[in-house]
Amino acid sequence: MNLKIYLLELGKRQIDLIPELTKRGININACDLSRALNDNVYHSPKLKKVREFSEEIIEDWKNNATWKPTSKRAASATKFAKTAERNGTL
């Protein structure tokens, strides 16, 4: 699951996850959050737990989402992200 693409599609940013993670008892800074969201980085149990909780939060956001990418910019960003994921550059 590429969390960065889902965040982009929902109009969210990585920093939006920090308060939600804090509610679940995980204190994390933006740098460590970024490391946890990278697909190839699981250096510590804490980052693995952050990734798991982030997946749950994003799933909740997806299930409750009413926002759809309607602007050209959002649609373009989503298309770019999906192309980059297919090419392995994201």
PDB file of N, CA and C in Angstrom:
ATOM      1  N   MET A   1       0.849  -1.170   0.000  1.00  0.00           N
ATOM      2  CA  MET A   1       0.000   0.000   0.000  1.00  0.00           C
ATOM      3  C   MET A   1       0.902   1.242   0.000  1.00  0.00           C
ATOM      4  N   ASN A   2       0.824   2.031  -1.043  1.00  0.00           N
ATOM      5  CA  ASN A   2       1.609   3.258  -1.085  1.00  0.00           C
ATOM      6  C   ASN A   2       0.795   4.376  -0.435  1.00  0.00           C
ATOM      7  N   LEU A   3       1.137   4.639   0.792  1.00  0.00           N
ATOM      8  CA  LEU A   3       0.368   5.587   1.592  1.00  0.00           C
ATOM      9  C   LEU A   3       0.442   7.001   1.042  1.00  0.00           C
ATOM     10  N   LYS A   4       1.538   7.352   0.432  1.00  0.00           N
ATOM     11  CA  LYS A   4       1.688   8.710  -0.093  1.00  0.00           C
ATOM     12  C   LYS A   4       0.669   8.987  -1.195  1.00  0.00           C
ATOM     13  N   ILE A   5       0.382   8.005  -2.015  1.00  0.00           N
ATOM     14  CA  ILE A   5      -0.614   8.182  -3.078  1.00  0.00           C
ATOM     15  C   ILE A   5      -2.001   8.349  -2.480  1.00  0.00           C
ATOM     16  N   TYR A   6      -2.314   7.526  -1.490  1.00  0.00           N
ATOM     17  CA  TYR A   6      -3.624   7.656  -0.859  1.00  0.00           C
ATOM     18  C   TYR A   6      -3.779   9.013  -0.176  1.00  0.00           C
ATOM     19  N   LEU A   7      -2.731   9.485   0.476  1.00  0.00           N
ATOM     20  CA  LEU A   7      -2.786  10.818   1.084  1.00  0.00           C
ATOM     21  C   LEU A   7      -3.054  11.871   0.024  1.00  0.00           C
ATOM     22  N   LEU A   8      -2.366  11.768  -1.089  1.00  0.00           N
ATOM     23  CA  LEU A   8      -2.542  12.721  -2.181  1.00  0.00           C
ATOM     24  C   LEU A   8      -3.973  12.699  -2.701  1.00  0.00           C
ATOM     25  N   GLU A   9      -4.507  11.514  -2.895  1.00  0.00           N
ATOM     26  CA  GLU A   9      -5.871  11.389  -3.409  1.00  0.00           C
ATOM     27  C   GLU A   9      -6.911  11.940  -2.435  1.00  0.00           C
ATOM     28  N   LEU A  10      -6.619  11.847  -1.145  1.00  0.00           N
ATOM     29  CA  LEU A  10      -7.555  12.344  -0.131  1.00  0.00           C
ATOM     30  C   LEU A  10      -7.371  13.824   0.158  1.00  0.00           C
ATOM     31  N   GLY A  11      -6.372  14.436  -0.451  1.00  0.00           N
ATOM     32  CA  GLY A  11      -6.110  15.842  -0.196  1.00  0.00           C
ATOM     33  C   GLY A  11      -5.466  16.076   1.160  1.00  0.00           C
ATOM     34  N   LYS A  12      -4.813  15.056   1.673  1.00  0.00           N
ATOM     35  CA  LYS A  12      -4.152  15.134   2.979  1.00  0.00           C
ATOM     36  C   LYS A  12      -2.647  15.228   2.779  1.00  0.00           C
ATOM     37  N   ARG A  13      -1.976  15.631   3.865  1.00  0.00           N
ATOM     38  CA  ARG A  13      -0.518  15.674   3.856  1.00  0.00           C
ATOM     39  C   ARG A  13      -0.009  14.749   4.952  1.00  0.00           C
ATOM     40  N   GLN A  14       1.273  14.392   4.857  1.00  0.00           N
ATOM     41  CA  GLN A  14       1.841  13.518   5.871  1.00  0.00           C
ATOM     42  C   GLN A  14       1.678  14.112   7.262  1.00  0.00           C
ATOM     43  N   ILE A  15       1.820  15.410   7.352  1.00  0.00           N
ATOM     44  CA  ILE A  15       1.736  16.073   8.656  1.00  0.00           C
ATOM     45  C   ILE A  15       0.350  15.939   9.273  1.00  0.00           C
ATOM     46  N   ASP A  16      -0.677  15.690   8.460  1.00  0.00           N
ATOM     47  CA  ASP A  16      -2.029  15.475   8.983  1.00  0.00           C
ATOM     48  C   ASP A  16      -2.132  14.181   9.788  1.00  0.00           C
ATOM     49  N   LEU A  17      -1.191  13.272   9.574  1.00  0.00           N
ATOM     50  CA  LEU A  17      -1.196  12.010  10.313  1.00  0.00           C
ATOM     51  C   LEU A  17      -0.704  12.174  11.748  1.00  0.00           C
ATOM     52  N   ILE A  18       0.139  13.180  11.994  1.00  0.00           N
ATOM     53  CA  ILE A  18       0.779  13.305  13.307  1.00  0.00           C
ATOM     54  C   ILE A  18      -0.235  13.431  14.450  1.00  0.00           C
ATOM     55  N   PRO A  19      -1.248  14.311  14.350  1.00  0.00           N
ATOM     56  CA  PRO A  19      -2.227  14.372  15.455  1.00  0.00           C
ATOM     57  C   PRO A  19      -3.009  13.065  15.643  1.00  0.00           C
ATOM     58  N   GLU A  20      -3.292  12.394  14.538  1.00  0.00           N
ATOM     59  CA  GLU A  20      -4.020  11.124  14.624  1.00  0.00           C
ATOM     60  C   GLU A  20      -3.161  10.051  15.291  1.00  0.00           C
ATOM     61  N   LEU A  21      -1.877  10.038  14.984  1.00  0.00           N
ATOM     62  CA  LEU A  21      -0.967   9.083  15.625  1.00  0.00           C
ATOM     63  C   LEU A  21      -0.822   9.404  17.107  1.00  0.00           C
ATOM     64  N   THR A  22      -0.796  10.680  17.436  1.00  0.00           N
ATOM     65  CA  THR A  22      -0.694  11.099  18.836  1.00  0.00           C
ATOM     66  C   THR A  22      -1.902  10.612  19.621  1.00  0.00           C
ATOM     67  N   LYS A  23      -3.091  10.664  19.005  1.00  0.00           N
ATOM     68  CA  LYS A  23      -4.304  10.158  19.659  1.00  0.00           C
ATOM     69  C   LYS A  23      -4.179   8.673  19.977  1.00  0.00           C
ATOM     70  N   ARG A  24      -3.388   7.972  19.173  1.00  0.00           N
ATOM     71  CA  ARG A  24      -3.200   6.534  19.374  1.00  0.00           C
ATOM     72  C   ARG A  24      -1.981   6.235  20.245  1.00  0.00           C
ATOM     73  N   GLY A  25      -1.397   7.284  20.826  1.00  0.00           N
ATOM     74  CA  GLY A  25      -0.307   7.091  21.774  1.00  0.00           C
ATOM     75  C   GLY A  25       1.084   7.061  21.173  1.00  0.00           C
ATOM     76  N   ILE A  26       1.215   7.482  19.921  1.00  0.00           N
ATOM     77  CA  ILE A  26       2.533   7.496  19.283  1.00  0.00           C
ATOM     78  C   ILE A  26       2.962   8.938  19.076  1.00  0.00           C
ATOM     79  N   ASN A  27       4.056   9.313  19.713  1.00  0.00           N
ATOM     80  CA  ASN A  27       4.635  10.640  19.506  1.00  0.00           C
ATOM     81  C   ASN A  27       5.732  10.511  18.460  1.00  0.00           C
ATOM     82  N   ILE A  28       5.603  11.269  17.393  1.00  0.00           N
ATOM     83  CA  ILE A  28       6.546  11.153  16.283  1.00  0.00           C
ATOM     84  C   ILE A  28       6.735  12.519  15.638  1.00  0.00           C
ATOM     85  N   ASN A  29       7.918  12.746  15.108  1.00  0.00           N
ATOM     86  CA  ASN A  29       8.169  13.997  14.390  1.00  0.00           C
ATOM     87  C   ASN A  29       8.010  13.754  12.893  1.00  0.00           C
ATOM     88  N   ALA A  30       7.997  14.827  12.138  1.00  0.00           N
ATOM     89  CA  ALA A  30       7.746  14.737  10.697  1.00  0.00           C
ATOM     90  C   ALA A  30       8.814  13.913   9.974  1.00  0.00           C
ATOM     91  N   CYS A  31      10.050  14.039  10.410  1.00  0.00           N
ATOM     92  CA  CYS A  31      11.141  13.303   9.755  1.00  0.00           C
ATOM     93  C   CYS A  31      10.962  11.791   9.916  1.00  0.00           C
ATOM     94  N   ASP A  32      10.678  11.353  11.146  1.00  0.00           N
ATOM     95  CA  ASP A  32      10.482   9.923  11.375  1.00  0.00           C
ATOM     96  C   ASP A  32       9.217   9.404  10.695  1.00  0.00           C
ATOM     97  N   LEU A  33       8.197  10.238  10.622  1.00  0.00           N
ATOM     98  CA  LEU A  33       6.983   9.843   9.915  1.00  0.00           C
ATOM     99  C   LEU A  33       7.292   9.596   8.445  1.00  0.00           C
ATOM    100  N   SER A  34       8.056  10.483   7.850  1.00  0.00           N
ATOM    101  CA  SER A  34       8.436  10.317   6.449  1.00  0.00           C
ATOM    102  C   SER A  34       9.215   9.021   6.248  1.00  0.00           C
ATOM    103  N   ARG A  35      10.121   8.729   7.158  1.00  0.00           N
ATOM    104  CA  ARG A  35      10.885   7.478   7.068  1.00  0.00           C
ATOM    105  C   ARG A  35       9.960   6.267   7.172  1.00  0.00           C
ATOM    106  N   ALA A  36       8.965   6.345   8.045  1.00  0.00           N
ATOM    107  CA  ALA A  36       8.042   5.223   8.236  1.00  0.00           C
ATOM    108  C   ALA A  36       7.168   5.003   7.010  1.00  0.00           C
ATOM    109  N   LEU A  37       6.814   6.088   6.310  1.00  0.00           N
ATOM    110  CA  LEU A  37       5.929   5.958   5.155  1.00  0.00           C
ATOM    111  C   LEU A  37       6.639   5.493   3.896  1.00  0.00           C
ATOM    112  N   ASN A  38       7.955   5.568   3.871  1.00  0.00           N
ATOM    113  CA  ASN A  38       8.695   5.035   2.728  1.00  0.00           C
ATOM    114  C   ASN A  38       8.584   3.523   2.740  1.00  0.00           C
ATOM    115  N   ASP A  39       8.221   2.950   1.626  1.00  0.00           N
ATOM    116  CA  ASP A  39       7.940   1.516   1.550  1.00  0.00           C
ATOM    117  C   ASP A  39       9.120   0.634   1.925  1.00  0.00           C
ATOM    118  N   ASN A  40      10.323   1.106   1.703  1.00  0.00           N
ATOM    119  CA  ASN A  40      11.485   0.244   1.889  1.00  0.00           C
ATOM    120  C   ASN A  40      12.218   0.474   3.209  1.00  0.00           C
ATOM    121  N   VAL A  41      11.623   1.207   4.141  1.00  0.00           N
ATOM    122  CA  VAL A  41      12.314   1.533   5.387  1.00  0.00           C
ATOM    123  C   VAL A  41      11.512   1.033   6.580  1.00  0.00           C
ATOM    124  N   TYR A  42      12.007   0.000   7.225  1.00  0.00           N
ATOM    125  CA  TYR A  42      11.435  -0.493   8.485  1.00  0.00           C
ATOM    126  C   TYR A  42      12.592  -0.798   9.430  1.00  0.00           C
ATOM    127  N   HIS A  43      13.306   0.222   9.856  1.00  0.00           N
ATOM    128  CA  HIS A  43      14.491  -0.031  10.657  1.00  0.00           C
ATOM    129  C   HIS A  43      14.204  -0.291  12.120  1.00  0.00           C
ATOM    130  N   SER A  44      13.072   0.132  12.608  1.00  0.00           N
ATOM    131  CA  SER A  44      12.801  -0.047  14.032  1.00  0.00           C
ATOM    132  C   SER A  44      11.361  -0.498  14.234  1.00  0.00           C
ATOM    133  N   PRO A  45      11.109  -1.133  15.365  1.00  0.00           N
ATOM    134  CA  PRO A  45       9.734  -1.534  15.671  1.00  0.00           C
ATOM    135  C   PRO A  45       8.791  -0.338  15.745  1.00  0.00           C
ATOM    136  N   LYS A  46       9.283   0.808  16.232  1.00  0.00           N
ATOM    137  CA  LYS A  46       8.433   1.991  16.325  1.00  0.00           C
ATOM    138  C   LYS A  46       7.987   2.432  14.939  1.00  0.00           C
ATOM    139  N   LEU A  47       8.904   2.464  13.961  1.00  0.00           N
ATOM    140  CA  LEU A  47       8.531   2.885  12.617  1.00  0.00           C
ATOM    141  C   LEU A  47       7.559   1.903  11.980  1.00  0.00           C
ATOM    142  N   LYS A  48       7.724   0.629  12.280  1.00  0.00           N
ATOM    143  CA  LYS A  48       6.786  -0.362  11.758  1.00  0.00           C
ATOM    144  C   LYS A  48       5.395  -0.130  12.344  1.00  0.00           C
ATOM    145  N   LYS A  49       5.336   0.163  13.646  1.00  0.00           N
ATOM    146  CA  LYS A  49       4.051   0.441  14.295  1.00  0.00           C
ATOM    147  C   LYS A  49       3.432   1.717  13.729  1.00  0.00           C
ATOM    148  N   VAL A  50       4.256   2.734  13.481  1.00  0.00           N
ATOM    149  CA  VAL A  50       3.768   3.989  12.886  1.00  0.00           C
ATOM    150  C   VAL A  50       3.155   3.697  11.529  1.00  0.00           C
ATOM    151  N   ARG A  51       3.817   2.882  10.734  1.00  0.00           N
ATOM    152  CA  ARG A  51       3.312   2.522   9.403  1.00  0.00           C
ATOM    153  C   ARG A  51       1.959   1.810   9.515  1.00  0.00           C
ATOM    154  N   GLU A  52       1.865   0.861  10.436  1.00  0.00           N
ATOM    155  CA  GLU A  52       0.617   0.111  10.610  1.00  0.00           C
ATOM    156  C   GLU A  52      -0.530   1.031  11.028  1.00  0.00           C
ATOM    157  N   PHE A  53      -0.275   1.907  12.012  1.00  0.00           N
ATOM    158  CA  PHE A  53      -1.308   2.845  12.449  1.00  0.00           C
ATOM    159  C   PHE A  53      -1.662   3.822  11.334  1.00  0.00           C
ATOM    160  N   SER A  54      -0.678   4.242  10.566  1.00  0.00           N
ATOM    161  CA  SER A  54      -0.940   5.171   9.454  1.00  0.00           C
ATOM    162  C   SER A  54      -1.850   4.518   8.425  1.00  0.00           C
ATOM    163  N   GLU A  55      -1.617   3.240   8.150  1.00  0.00           N
ATOM    164  CA  GLU A  55      -2.487   2.518   7.219  1.00  0.00           C
ATOM    165  C   GLU A  55      -3.920   2.490   7.740  1.00  0.00           C
ATOM    166  N   GLU A  56      -4.089   2.250   9.043  1.00  0.00           N
ATOM    167  CA  GLU A  56      -5.431   2.232   9.634  1.00  0.00           C
ATOM    168  C   GLU A  56      -6.099   3.603   9.519  1.00  0.00           C
ATOM    169  N   ILE A  57      -5.344   4.657   9.822  1.00  0.00           N
ATOM    170  CA  ILE A  57      -5.887   6.016   9.770  1.00  0.00           C
ATOM    171  C   ILE A  57      -6.323   6.354   8.353  1.00  0.00           C
ATOM    172  N   ILE A  58      -5.482   6.037   7.383  1.00  0.00           N
ATOM    173  CA  ILE A  58      -5.802   6.349   5.991  1.00  0.00           C
ATOM    174  C   ILE A  58      -7.011   5.540   5.526  1.00  0.00           C
ATOM    175  N   GLU A  59      -7.116   4.300   5.962  1.00  0.00           N
ATOM    176  CA  GLU A  59      -8.299   3.503   5.631  1.00  0.00           C
ATOM    177  C   GLU A  59      -9.560   4.152   6.203  1.00  0.00           C
ATOM    178  N   ASP A  60      -9.465   4.639   7.446  1.00  0.00           N
ATOM    179  CA  ASP A  60     -10.604   5.342   8.042  1.00  0.00           C
ATOM    180  C   ASP A  60     -10.955   6.574   7.220  1.00  0.00           C
ATOM    181  N   TRP A  61      -9.946   7.343   6.834  1.00  0.00           N
ATOM    182  CA  TRP A  61     -10.190   8.539   6.024  1.00  0.00           C
ATOM    183  C   TRP A  61     -10.819   8.180   4.687  1.00  0.00           C
ATOM    184  N   LYS A  62     -10.334   7.090   4.059  1.00  0.00           N
ATOM    185  CA  LYS A  62     -10.898   6.675   2.772  1.00  0.00           C
ATOM    186  C   LYS A  62     -12.359   6.270   2.924  1.00  0.00           C
ATOM    187  N   ASN A  63     -12.678   5.561   3.991  1.00  0.00           N
ATOM    188  CA  ASN A  63     -14.047   5.106   4.214  1.00  0.00           C
ATOM    189  C   ASN A  63     -14.999   6.254   4.520  1.00  0.00           C
ATOM    190  N   ASN A  64     -14.470   7.334   5.087  1.00  0.00           N
ATOM    191  CA  ASN A  64     -15.302   8.480   5.454  1.00  0.00           C
ATOM    192  C   ASN A  64     -15.161   9.636   4.477  1.00  0.00           C
ATOM    193  N   ALA A  65     -14.456   9.427   3.392  1.00  0.00           N
ATOM    194  CA  ALA A  65     -14.165  10.524   2.472  1.00  0.00           C
ATOM    195  C   ALA A  65     -15.381  10.900   1.642  1.00  0.00           C
ATOM    196  N   THR A  66     -15.607  12.183   1.554  1.00  0.00           N
ATOM    197  CA  THR A  66     -16.616  12.703   0.637  1.00  0.00           C
ATOM    198  C   THR A  66     -15.935  13.544  -0.429  1.00  0.00           C
ATOM    199  N   TRP A  67     -14.670  13.865  -0.212  1.00  0.00           N
ATOM    200  CA  TRP A  67     -13.900  14.695  -1.137  1.00  0.00           C
ATOM    201  C   TRP A  67     -13.409  13.843  -2.296  1.00  0.00           C
ATOM    202  N   LYS A  68     -13.569  14.331  -3.468  1.00  0.00           N
ATOM    203  CA  LYS A  68     -13.037  13.683  -4.664  1.00  0.00           C
ATOM    204  C   LYS A  68     -12.153  14.694  -5.386  1.00  0.00           C
ATOM    205  N   PRO A  69     -11.090  14.240  -6.023  1.00  0.00           N
ATOM    206  CA  PRO A  69     -10.218  15.189  -6.722  1.00  0.00           C
ATOM    207  C   PRO A  69     -10.930  15.784  -7.934  1.00  0.00           C
ATOM    208  N   THR A  70     -11.432  16.994  -7.778  1.00  0.00           N
ATOM    209  CA  THR A  70     -12.178  17.611  -8.867  1.00  0.00           C
ATOM    210  C   THR A  70     -11.357  18.644  -9.625  1.00  0.00           C
ATOM    211  N   SER A  71     -10.362  19.212  -8.960  1.00  0.00           N
ATOM    212  CA  SER A  71      -9.572  20.224  -9.652  1.00  0.00           C
ATOM    213  C   SER A  71      -8.589  19.562 -10.610  1.00  0.00           C
ATOM    214  N   LYS A  72      -8.207  20.301 -11.623  1.00  0.00           N
ATOM    215  CA  LYS A  72      -7.229  19.779 -12.585  1.00  0.00           C
ATOM    216  C   LYS A  72      -5.908  19.482 -11.896  1.00  0.00           C
ATOM    217  N   ARG A  73      -5.543  20.338 -10.933  1.00  0.00           N
ATOM    218  CA  ARG A  73      -4.281  20.137 -10.237  1.00  0.00           C
ATOM    219  C   ARG A  73      -4.294  18.832  -9.445  1.00  0.00           C
ATOM    220  N   ALA A  74      -5.378  18.561  -8.713  1.00  0.00           N
ATOM    221  CA  ALA A  74      -5.476  17.333  -7.928  1.00  0.00           C
ATOM    222  C   ALA A  74      -5.497  16.113  -8.830  1.00  0.00           C
ATOM    223  N   ALA A  75      -6.238  16.186  -9.918  1.00  0.00           N
ATOM    224  CA  ALA A  75      -6.305  15.067 -10.855  1.00  0.00           C
ATOM    225  C   ALA A  75      -4.942  14.828 -11.494  1.00  0.00           C
ATOM    226  N   SER A  76      -4.246  15.895 -11.828  1.00  0.00           N
ATOM    227  CA  SER A  76      -2.921  15.774 -12.417  1.00  0.00           C
ATOM    228  C   SER A  76      -1.938  15.166 -11.424  1.00  0.00           C
ATOM    229  N   ALA A  77      -2.007  15.592 -10.168  1.00  0.00           N
ATOM    230  CA  ALA A  77      -1.110  15.056  -9.144  1.00  0.00           C
ATOM    231  C   ALA A  77      -1.377  13.575  -8.911  1.00  0.00           C
ATOM    232  N   THR A  78      -2.638  13.190  -8.910  1.00  0.00           N
ATOM    233  CA  THR A  78      -2.985  11.787  -8.735  1.00  0.00           C
ATOM    234  C   THR A  78      -2.466  10.961  -9.905  1.00  0.00           C
ATOM    235  N   LYS A  79      -2.644  11.450 -11.110  1.00  0.00           N
ATOM    236  CA  LYS A  79      -2.152  10.749 -12.295  1.00  0.00           C
ATOM    237  C   LYS A  79      -0.634  10.622 -12.254  1.00  0.00           C
ATOM    238  N   PHE A  80       0.053  11.691 -11.869  1.00  0.00           N
ATOM    239  CA  PHE A  80       1.505  11.661 -11.763  1.00  0.00           C
ATOM    240  C   PHE A  80       1.956  10.622 -10.740  1.00  0.00           C
ATOM    241  N   ALA A  81       1.295  10.600  -9.577  1.00  0.00           N
ATOM    242  CA  ALA A  81       1.678   9.681  -8.510  1.00  0.00           C
ATOM    243  C   ALA A  81       1.486   8.223  -8.938  1.00  0.00           C
ATOM    244  N   LYS A  82       0.385   7.943  -9.607  1.00  0.00           N
ATOM    245  CA  LYS A  82       0.138   6.566 -10.053  1.00  0.00           C
ATOM    246  C   LYS A  82       1.143   6.138 -11.120  1.00  0.00           C
ATOM    247  N   THR A  83       1.480   7.049 -12.017  1.00  0.00           N
ATOM    248  CA  THR A  83       2.489   6.743 -13.040  1.00  0.00           C
ATOM    249  C   THR A  83       3.841   6.503 -12.386  1.00  0.00           C
ATOM    250  N   ALA A  84       4.193   7.329 -11.427  1.00  0.00           N
ATOM    251  CA  ALA A  84       5.469   7.173 -10.735  1.00  0.00           C
ATOM    252  C   ALA A  84       5.517   5.854  -9.958  1.00  0.00           C
ATOM    253  N   GLU A  85       4.401   5.478  -9.380  1.00  0.00           N
ATOM    254  CA  GLU A  85       4.362   4.208  -8.640  1.00  0.00           C
ATOM    255  C   GLU A  85       4.562   3.028  -9.591  1.00  0.00           C
ATOM    256  N   ARG A  86       3.891   3.086 -10.746  1.00  0.00           N
ATOM    257  CA  ARG A  86       4.055   2.019 -11.729  1.00  0.00           C
ATOM    258  C   ARG A  86       5.498   1.902 -12.204  1.00  0.00           C
ATOM    259  N   ASN A  87       6.144   3.055 -12.369  1.00  0.00           N
ATOM    260  CA  ASN A  87       7.531   3.080 -12.843  1.00  0.00           C
ATOM    261  C   ASN A  87       8.538   2.818 -11.732  1.00  0.00           C
ATOM    262  N   GLY A  88       8.071   2.758 -10.508  1.00  0.00           N
ATOM    263  CA  GLY A  88       8.966   2.515  -9.386  1.00  0.00           C
ATOM    264  C   GLY A  88       9.810   3.713  -8.994  1.00  0.00           C
ATOM    265  N   THR A  89       9.349   4.904  -9.355  1.00  0.00           N
ATOM    266  CA  THR A  89      10.128   6.101  -9.027  1.00  0.00           C
ATOM    267  C   THR A  89       9.563   6.853  -7.842  1.00  0.00           C
ATOM    268  N   LEU A  90       8.512   6.366  -7.229  1.00  0.00           N
ATOM    269  CA  LEU A  90       7.927   7.059  -6.078  1.00  0.00           C
ATOM    270  C   LEU A  90       8.159   6.251  -4.834  1.00  0.00           C
TER     271      LEU A  90
END
